[in-house]
Amino acid sequence: MEIIILSVISIIMIIAAILALYANKLVTAIISAGVVSLLASVIYLLLAAPDVAMTEAAIGSGLTTVVFLYALNKIRKSGEGDG
């Protein structure tokens, strides 16, 4: 049963990674990359590595996604006055 769950999560992770690569909008790419990290943390948890799973969830999917979205917001705001 665990192999089936890992396989399904891995397939969803691959789809999210491809979406992050080929997304036309940057927000979609950033969120897809965050989903990849979140699913990686779930896989680490299922493989009995809770310390790695917590680190990946906190830094990989949480902090990195927030920093990327903040940077994108700052870039968009600084580009508004350049018209």
PDB file of N, CA and C in Angstrom:
ATOM      1  N   MET A   1       0.821  -1.201   0.000  1.00  0.00           N
ATOM      2  CA  MET A   1       0.000   0.000   0.000  1.00  0.00           C
ATOM      3  C   MET A   1       0.862   1.262   0.000  1.00  0.00           C
ATOM      4  N   GLU A   2       1.977   1.202   0.750  1.00  0.00           N
ATOM      5  CA  GLU A   2       2.850   2.364   0.824  1.00  0.00           C
ATOM      6  C   GLU A   2       3.484   2.674  -0.533  1.00  0.00           C
ATOM      7  N   ILE A   3       3.773   1.631  -1.298  1.00  0.00           N
ATOM      8  CA  ILE A   3       4.373   1.829  -2.625  1.00  0.00           C
ATOM      9  C   ILE A   3       3.384   2.523  -3.556  1.00  0.00           C
ATOM     10  N   ILE A   4       2.124   2.210  -3.439  1.00  0.00           N
ATOM     11  CA  ILE A   4       1.106   2.854  -4.282  1.00  0.00           C
ATOM     12  C   ILE A   4       0.995   4.330  -3.927  1.00  0.00           C
ATOM     13  N   ILE A   5       0.989   4.633  -2.643  1.00  0.00           N
ATOM     14  CA  ILE A   5       0.900   6.030  -2.207  1.00  0.00           C
ATOM     15  C   ILE A   5       2.125   6.811  -2.666  1.00  0.00           C
ATOM     16  N   LEU A   6       3.311   6.221  -2.503  1.00  0.00           N
ATOM     17  CA  LEU A   6       4.533   6.880  -2.956  1.00  0.00           C
ATOM     18  C   LEU A   6       4.530   7.087  -4.468  1.00  0.00           C
ATOM     19  N   SER A   7       4.011   6.119  -5.201  1.00  0.00           N
ATOM     20  CA  SER A   7       3.946   6.244  -6.665  1.00  0.00           C
ATOM     21  C   SER A   7       3.006   7.367  -7.096  1.00  0.00           C
ATOM     22  N   VAL A   8       1.859   7.445  -6.451  1.00  0.00           N
ATOM     23  CA  VAL A   8       0.896   8.496  -6.788  1.00  0.00           C
ATOM     24  C   VAL A   8       1.466   9.872  -6.462  1.00  0.00           C
ATOM     25  N   ILE A   9       2.070  10.004  -5.293  1.00  0.00           N
ATOM     26  CA  ILE A   9       2.671  11.286  -4.904  1.00  0.00           C
ATOM     27  C   ILE A   9       3.805  11.650  -5.859  1.00  0.00           C
ATOM     28  N   SER A  10       4.586  10.667  -6.258  1.00  0.00           N
ATOM     29  CA  SER A  10       5.690  10.928  -7.184  1.00  0.00           C
ATOM     30  C   SER A  10       5.185  11.391  -8.547  1.00  0.00           C
ATOM     31  N   ILE A  11       4.120  10.802  -9.026  1.00  0.00           N
ATOM     32  CA  ILE A  11       3.550  11.213 -10.316  1.00  0.00           C
ATOM     33  C   ILE A  11       3.005  12.636 -10.230  1.00  0.00           C
ATOM     34  N   ILE A  12       2.312  12.945  -9.139  1.00  0.00           N
ATOM     35  CA  ILE A  12       1.802  14.310  -8.958  1.00  0.00           C
ATOM     36  C   ILE A  12       2.965  15.298  -8.856  1.00  0.00           C
ATOM     37  N   MET A  13       4.032  14.875  -8.203  1.00  0.00           N
ATOM     38  CA  MET A  13       5.217  15.725  -8.063  1.00  0.00           C
ATOM     39  C   MET A  13       5.854  16.001  -9.421  1.00  0.00           C
ATOM     40  N   ILE A  14       5.943  15.007 -10.272  1.00  0.00           N
ATOM     41  CA  ILE A  14       6.499  15.185 -11.616  1.00  0.00           C
ATOM     42  C   ILE A  14       5.622  16.113 -12.441  1.00  0.00           C
ATOM     43  N   ILE A  15       4.312  15.963 -12.333  1.00  0.00           N
ATOM     44  CA  ILE A  15       3.389  16.838 -13.065  1.00  0.00           C
ATOM     45  C   ILE A  15       3.540  18.284 -12.596  1.00  0.00           C
ATOM     46  N   ALA A  16       3.655  18.480 -11.281  1.00  0.00           N
ATOM     47  CA  ALA A  16       3.830  19.835 -10.749  1.00  0.00           C
ATOM     48  C   ALA A  16       5.162  20.436 -11.191  1.00  0.00           C
ATOM     49  N   ALA A  17       6.207  19.622 -11.270  1.00  0.00           N
ATOM     50  CA  ALA A  17       7.502  20.115 -11.722  1.00  0.00           C
ATOM     51  C   ALA A  17       7.450  20.522 -13.189  1.00  0.00           C
ATOM     52  N   ILE A  18       6.779  19.742 -14.014  1.00  0.00           N
ATOM     53  CA  ILE A  18       6.630  20.095 -15.434  1.00  0.00           C
ATOM     54  C   ILE A  18       5.794  21.362 -15.570  1.00  0.00           C
ATOM     55  N   LEU A  19       4.755  21.491 -14.754  1.00  0.00           N
ATOM     56  CA  LEU A  19       3.952  22.713 -14.773  1.00  0.00           C
ATOM     57  C   LEU A  19       4.787  23.922 -14.365  1.00  0.00           C
ATOM     58  N   ALA A  20       5.668  23.749 -13.395  1.00  0.00           N
ATOM     59  CA  ALA A  20       6.535  24.856 -12.972  1.00  0.00           C
ATOM     60  C   ALA A  20       7.480  25.264 -14.098  1.00  0.00           C
ATOM     61  N   LEU A  21       7.925  24.316 -14.883  1.00  0.00           N
ATOM     62  CA  LEU A  21       8.840  24.632 -15.985  1.00  0.00           C
ATOM     63  C   LEU A  21       8.147  25.335 -17.148  1.00  0.00           C
ATOM     64  N   TYR A  22       6.944  24.917 -17.456  1.00  0.00           N
ATOM     65  CA  TYR A  22       6.277  25.415 -18.658  1.00  0.00           C
ATOM     66  C   TYR A  22       5.148  26.408 -18.388  1.00  0.00           C
ATOM     67  N   ALA A  23       5.017  26.884 -17.169  1.00  0.00           N
ATOM     68  CA  ALA A  23       3.948  27.830 -16.838  1.00  0.00           C
ATOM     69  C   ALA A  23       4.226  29.191 -17.471  1.00  0.00           C
ATOM     70  N   ASN A  24       3.170  29.818 -17.979  1.00  0.00           N
ATOM     71  CA  ASN A  24       3.305  31.140 -18.585  1.00  0.00           C
ATOM     72  C   ASN A  24       3.350  32.245 -17.540  1.00  0.00           C
ATOM     73  N   LYS A  25       2.699  32.042 -16.415  1.00  0.00           N
ATOM     74  CA  LYS A  25       2.684  33.041 -15.346  1.00  0.00           C
ATOM     75  C   LYS A  25       3.685  32.645 -14.271  1.00  0.00           C
ATOM     76  N   LEU A  26       4.409  33.635 -13.772  1.00  0.00           N
ATOM     77  CA  LEU A  26       5.413  33.368 -12.749  1.00  0.00           C
ATOM     78  C   LEU A  26       4.803  32.901 -11.436  1.00  0.00           C
ATOM     79  N   VAL A  27       3.640  33.408 -11.099  1.00  0.00           N
ATOM     80  CA  VAL A  27       2.983  32.994  -9.847  1.00  0.00           C
ATOM     81  C   VAL A  27       2.662  31.504  -9.895  1.00  0.00           C
ATOM     82  N   THR A  28       2.193  31.047 -11.051  1.00  0.00           N
ATOM     83  CA  THR A  28       1.892  29.623 -11.210  1.00  0.00           C
ATOM     84  C   THR A  28       3.150  28.783 -11.067  1.00  0.00           C
ATOM     85  N   ALA A  29       4.244  29.245 -11.638  1.00  0.00           N
ATOM     86  CA  ALA A  29       5.506  28.518 -11.537  1.00  0.00           C
ATOM     87  C   ALA A  29       6.009  28.467 -10.097  1.00  0.00           C
ATOM     88  N   ILE A  30       5.879  29.564  -9.379  1.00  0.00           N
ATOM     89  CA  ILE A  30       6.343  29.611  -7.990  1.00  0.00           C
ATOM     90  C   ILE A  30       5.516  28.679  -7.114  1.00  0.00           C
ATOM     91  N   ILE A  31       4.208  28.707  -7.292  1.00  0.00           N
ATOM     92  CA  ILE A  31       3.344  27.848  -6.479  1.00  0.00           C
ATOM     93  C   ILE A  31       3.550  26.377  -6.842  1.00  0.00           C
ATOM     94  N   SER A  32       3.777  26.090  -8.112  1.00  0.00           N
ATOM     95  CA  SER A  32       4.048  24.703  -8.511  1.00  0.00           C
ATOM     96  C   SER A  32       5.351  24.202  -7.904  1.00  0.00           C
ATOM     97  N   ALA A  33       6.355  25.042  -7.861  1.00  0.00           N
ATOM     98  CA  ALA A  33       7.618  24.653  -7.221  1.00  0.00           C
ATOM     99  C   ALA A  33       7.410  24.427  -5.724  1.00  0.00           C
ATOM    100  N   GLY A  34       6.561  25.234  -5.096  1.00  0.00           N
ATOM    101  CA  GLY A  34       6.236  25.020  -3.686  1.00  0.00           C
ATOM    102  C   GLY A  34       5.506  23.704  -3.457  1.00  0.00           C
ATOM    103  N   VAL A  35       4.639  23.342  -4.396  1.00  0.00           N
ATOM    104  CA  VAL A  35       3.928  22.066  -4.293  1.00  0.00           C
ATOM    105  C   VAL A  35       4.907  20.894  -4.419  1.00  0.00           C
ATOM    106  N   VAL A  36       5.878  21.031  -5.306  1.00  0.00           N
ATOM    107  CA  VAL A  36       6.901  19.985  -5.440  1.00  0.00           C
ATOM    108  C   VAL A  36       7.638  19.794  -4.120  1.00  0.00           C
ATOM    109  N   SER A  37       8.023  20.886  -3.484  1.00  0.00           N
ATOM    110  CA  SER A  37       8.715  20.787  -2.198  1.00  0.00           C
ATOM    111  C   SER A  37       7.818  20.206  -1.115  1.00  0.00           C
ATOM    112  N   LEU A  38       6.564  20.588  -1.125  1.00  0.00           N
ATOM    113  CA  LEU A  38       5.633  20.056  -0.130  1.00  0.00           C
ATOM    114  C   LEU A  38       5.440  18.553  -0.308  1.00  0.00           C
ATOM    115  N   LEU A  39       5.300  18.116  -1.545  1.00  0.00           N
ATOM    116  CA  LEU A  39       5.154  16.679  -1.791  1.00  0.00           C
ATOM    117  C   LEU A  39       6.438  15.923  -1.465  1.00  0.00           C
ATOM    118  N   ALA A  40       7.576  16.561  -1.677  1.00  0.00           N
ATOM    119  CA  ALA A  40       8.837  15.930  -1.287  1.00  0.00           C
ATOM    120  C   ALA A  40       8.888  15.740   0.225  1.00  0.00           C
ATOM    121  N   SER A  41       8.376  16.704   0.971  1.00  0.00           N
ATOM    122  CA  SER A  41       8.365  16.555   2.423  1.00  0.00           C
ATOM    123  C   SER A  41       7.426  15.426   2.861  1.00  0.00           C
ATOM    124  N   VAL A  42       6.330  15.236   2.150  1.00  0.00           N
ATOM    125  CA  VAL A  42       5.433  14.118   2.465  1.00  0.00           C
ATOM    126  C   VAL A  42       6.135  12.788   2.183  1.00  0.00           C
ATOM    127  N   ILE A  43       6.874  12.736   1.073  1.00  0.00           N
ATOM    128  CA  ILE A  43       7.614  11.508   0.753  1.00  0.00           C
ATOM    129  C   ILE A  43       8.670  11.228   1.821  1.00  0.00           C
ATOM    130  N   TYR A  44       9.386  12.260   2.266  1.00  0.00           N
ATOM    131  CA  TYR A  44      10.368  12.063   3.331  1.00  0.00           C
ATOM    132  C   TYR A  44       9.707  11.546   4.605  1.00  0.00           C
ATOM    133  N   LEU A  45       8.517  12.038   4.897  1.00  0.00           N
ATOM    134  CA  LEU A  45       7.806  11.585   6.088  1.00  0.00           C
ATOM    135  C   LEU A  45       7.412  10.115   5.957  1.00  0.00           C
ATOM    136  N   LEU A  46       6.951   9.725   4.775  1.00  0.00           N
ATOM    137  CA  LEU A  46       6.579   8.326   4.563  1.00  0.00           C
ATOM    138  C   LEU A  46       7.794   7.401   4.584  1.00  0.00           C
ATOM    139  N   LEU A  47       8.962   7.933   4.267  1.00  0.00           N
ATOM    140  CA  LEU A  47      10.178   7.131   4.280  1.00  0.00           C
ATOM    141  C   LEU A  47      10.883   7.176   5.645  1.00  0.00           C
ATOM    142  N   ALA A  48      10.174   7.625   6.661  1.00  0.00           N
ATOM    143  CA  ALA A  48      10.647   7.628   8.049  1.00  0.00           C
ATOM    144  C   ALA A  48      11.835   8.558   8.263  1.00  0.00           C
ATOM    145  N   ALA A  49      11.767   9.750   7.681  1.00  0.00           N
ATOM    146  CA  ALA A  49      12.783  10.778   7.920  1.00  0.00           C
ATOM    147  C   ALA A  49      12.064  12.062   8.331  1.00  0.00           C
ATOM    148  N   PRO A  50      11.515  12.092   9.546  1.00  0.00           N
ATOM    149  CA  PRO A  50      10.705  13.244   9.945  1.00  0.00           C
ATOM    150  C   PRO A  50      11.494  14.537  10.074  1.00  0.00           C
ATOM    151  N   ASP A  51      12.777  14.451  10.446  1.00  0.00           N
ATOM    152  CA  ASP A  51      13.572  15.676  10.569  1.00  0.00           C
ATOM    153  C   ASP A  51      13.803  16.320   9.203  1.00  0.00           C
ATOM    154  N   VAL A  52      14.070  15.518   8.198  1.00  0.00           N
ATOM    155  CA  VAL A  52      14.244  16.037   6.841  1.00  0.00           C
ATOM    156  C   VAL A  52      12.912  16.551   6.302  1.00  0.00           C
ATOM    157  N   ALA A  53      11.824  15.867   6.639  1.00  0.00           N
ATOM    158  CA  ALA A  53      10.495  16.282   6.177  1.00  0.00           C
ATOM    159  C   ALA A  53      10.116  17.638   6.753  1.00  0.00           C
ATOM    160  N   MET A  54      10.394  17.846   8.042  1.00  0.00           N
ATOM    161  CA  MET A  54      10.065  19.142   8.650  1.00  0.00           C
ATOM    162  C   MET A  54      10.908  20.260   8.055  1.00  0.00           C
ATOM    163  N   THR A  55      12.181  19.977   7.807  1.00  0.00           N
ATOM    164  CA  THR A  55      13.055  20.992   7.224  1.00  0.00           C
ATOM    165  C   THR A  55      12.612  21.342   5.815  1.00  0.00           C
ATOM    166  N   GLU A  56      12.286  20.337   5.030  1.00  0.00           N
ATOM    167  CA  GLU A  56      11.826  20.576   3.653  1.00  0.00           C
ATOM    168  C   GLU A  56      10.513  21.336   3.641  1.00  0.00           C
ATOM    169  N   ALA A  57       9.611  21.002   4.543  1.00  0.00           N
ATOM    170  CA  ALA A  57       8.323  21.695   4.586  1.00  0.00           C
ATOM    171  C   ALA A  57       8.499  23.148   5.007  1.00  0.00           C
ATOM    172  N   ALA A  58       9.340  23.371   5.999  1.00  0.00           N
ATOM    173  CA  ALA A  58       9.509  24.732   6.514  1.00  0.00           C
ATOM    174  C   ALA A  58      10.284  25.615   5.547  1.00  0.00           C
ATOM    175  N   ILE A  59      11.385  25.113   5.047  1.00  0.00           N
ATOM    176  CA  ILE A  59      12.245  25.939   4.205  1.00  0.00           C
ATOM    177  C   ILE A  59      11.898  25.783   2.733  1.00  0.00           C
ATOM    178  N   GLY A  60      11.796  24.553   2.266  1.00  0.00           N
ATOM    179  CA  GLY A  60      11.566  24.303   0.843  1.00  0.00           C
ATOM    180  C   GLY A  60      10.235  24.808   0.343  1.00  0.00           C
ATOM    181  N   SER A  61       9.167  24.416   1.003  1.00  0.00           N
ATOM    182  CA  SER A  61       7.858  24.829   0.498  1.00  0.00           C
ATOM    183  C   SER A  61       7.344  26.099   1.155  1.00  0.00           C
ATOM    184  N   GLY A  62       7.721  26.341   2.379  1.00  0.00           N
ATOM    185  CA  GLY A  62       7.207  27.524   3.075  1.00  0.00           C
ATOM    186  C   GLY A  62       7.992  28.785   2.801  1.00  0.00           C
ATOM    187  N   LEU A  63       9.194  28.836   3.323  1.00  0.00           N
ATOM    188  CA  LEU A  63       9.994  30.057   3.264  1.00  0.00           C
ATOM    189  C   LEU A  63      10.383  30.439   1.840  1.00  0.00           C
ATOM    190  N   THR A  64      10.818  29.472   1.051  1.00  0.00           N
ATOM    191  CA  THR A  64      11.249  29.766  -0.311  1.00  0.00           C
ATOM    192  C   THR A  64      10.102  30.311  -1.152  1.00  0.00           C
ATOM    193  N   THR A  65       8.925  29.717  -1.027  1.00  0.00           N
ATOM    194  CA  THR A  65       7.771  30.188  -1.788  1.00  0.00           C
ATOM    195  C   THR A  65       7.401  31.613  -1.382  1.00  0.00           C
ATOM    196  N   VAL A  66       7.412  31.880  -0.098  1.00  0.00           N
ATOM    197  CA  VAL A  66       7.078  33.224   0.380  1.00  0.00           C
ATOM    198  C   VAL A  66       8.105  34.251  -0.103  1.00  0.00           C
ATOM    199  N   VAL A  67       9.377  33.900  -0.046  1.00  0.00           N
ATOM    200  CA  VAL A  67      10.430  34.824  -0.499  1.00  0.00           C
ATOM    201  C   VAL A  67      10.300  35.092  -2.001  1.00  0.00           C
ATOM    202  N   PHE A  68      10.040  34.045  -2.788  1.00  0.00           N
ATOM    203  CA  PHE A  68       9.864  34.233  -4.235  1.00  0.00           C
ATOM    204  C   PHE A  68       8.659  35.114  -4.542  1.00  0.00           C
ATOM    205  N   LEU A  69       7.547  34.880  -3.848  1.00  0.00           N
ATOM    206  CA  LEU A  69       6.357  35.703  -4.085  1.00  0.00           C
ATOM    207  C   LEU A  69       6.592  37.145  -3.653  1.00  0.00           C
ATOM    208  N   TYR A  70       7.311  37.355  -2.562  1.00  0.00           N
ATOM    209  CA  TYR A  70       7.644  38.706  -2.111  1.00  0.00           C
ATOM    210  C   TYR A  70       8.529  39.407  -3.140  1.00  0.00           C
ATOM    211  N   ALA A  71       9.537  38.709  -3.636  1.00  0.00           N
ATOM    212  CA  ALA A  71      10.433  39.297  -4.639  1.00  0.00           C
ATOM    213  C   ALA A  71       9.675  39.630  -5.925  1.00  0.00           C
ATOM    214  N   LEU A  72       8.789  38.746  -6.344  1.00  0.00           N
ATOM    215  CA  LEU A  72       7.992  39.006  -7.542  1.00  0.00           C
ATOM    216  C   LEU A  72       7.103  40.228  -7.348  1.00  0.00           C
ATOM    217  N   ASN A  73       6.522  40.365  -6.164  1.00  0.00           N
ATOM    218  CA  ASN A  73       5.692  41.520  -5.861  1.00  0.00           C
ATOM    219  C   ASN A  73       6.512  42.809  -5.893  1.00  0.00           C
ATOM    220  N   LYS A  74       7.717  42.775  -5.320  1.00  0.00           N
ATOM    221  CA  LYS A  74       8.588  43.957  -5.328  1.00  0.00           C
ATOM    222  C   LYS A  74       9.003  44.329  -6.757  1.00  0.00           C
ATOM    223  N   ILE A  75       9.308  43.348  -7.573  1.00  0.00           N
ATOM    224  CA  ILE A  75       9.701  43.609  -8.962  1.00  0.00           C
ATOM    225  C   ILE A  75       8.547  44.234  -9.728  1.00  0.00           C
ATOM    226  N   ARG A  76       7.352  43.716  -9.531  1.00  0.00           N
ATOM    227  CA  ARG A  76       6.183  44.260 -10.236  1.00  0.00           C
ATOM    228  C   ARG A  76       5.894  45.689  -9.796  1.00  0.00           C
ATOM    229  N   LYS A  77       6.035  45.978  -8.501  1.00  0.00           N
ATOM    230  CA  LYS A  77       5.774  47.333  -8.002  1.00  0.00           C
ATOM    231  C   LYS A  77       6.829  48.321  -8.501  1.00  0.00           C
ATOM    232  N   SER A  78       8.080  47.890  -8.588  1.00  0.00           N
ATOM    233  CA  SER A  78       9.121  48.803  -9.054  1.00  0.00           C
ATOM    234  C   SER A  78       9.020  49.035 -10.561  1.00  0.00           C
ATOM    235  N   GLY A  79       8.420  48.136 -11.294  1.00  0.00           N
ATOM    236  CA  GLY A  79       8.263  48.279 -12.725  1.00  0.00           C
ATOM    237  C   GLY A  79       7.057  49.112 -13.123  1.00  0.00           C
ATOM    238  N   GLU A  80       6.162  49.430 -12.190  1.00  0.00           N
ATOM    239  CA  GLU A  80       4.953  50.190 -12.524  1.00  0.00           C
ATOM    240  C   GLU A  80       5.257  51.627 -12.896  1.00  0.00           C
ATOM    241  N   GLY A  81       6.229  52.243 -12.264  1.00  0.00           N
ATOM    242  CA  GLY A  81       6.532  53.636 -12.515  1.00  0.00           C
ATOM    243  C   GLY A  81       7.381  53.868 -13.753  1.00  0.00           C
ATOM    244  N   ASP A  82       7.914  52.785 -14.353  1.00  0.00           N
ATOM    245  CA  ASP A  82       8.824  52.934 -15.476  1.00  0.00           C
ATOM    246  C   ASP A  82       8.103  53.154 -16.794  1.00  0.00           C
ATOM    247  N   GLY A  83       6.893  52.858 -16.958  1.00  0.00           N
ATOM    248  CA  GLY A  83       6.061  52.979 -18.096  1.00  0.00           C
ATOM    249  C   GLY A  83       6.574  53.500 -19.318  1.00  0.00           C
TER     250      GLY A  83
END
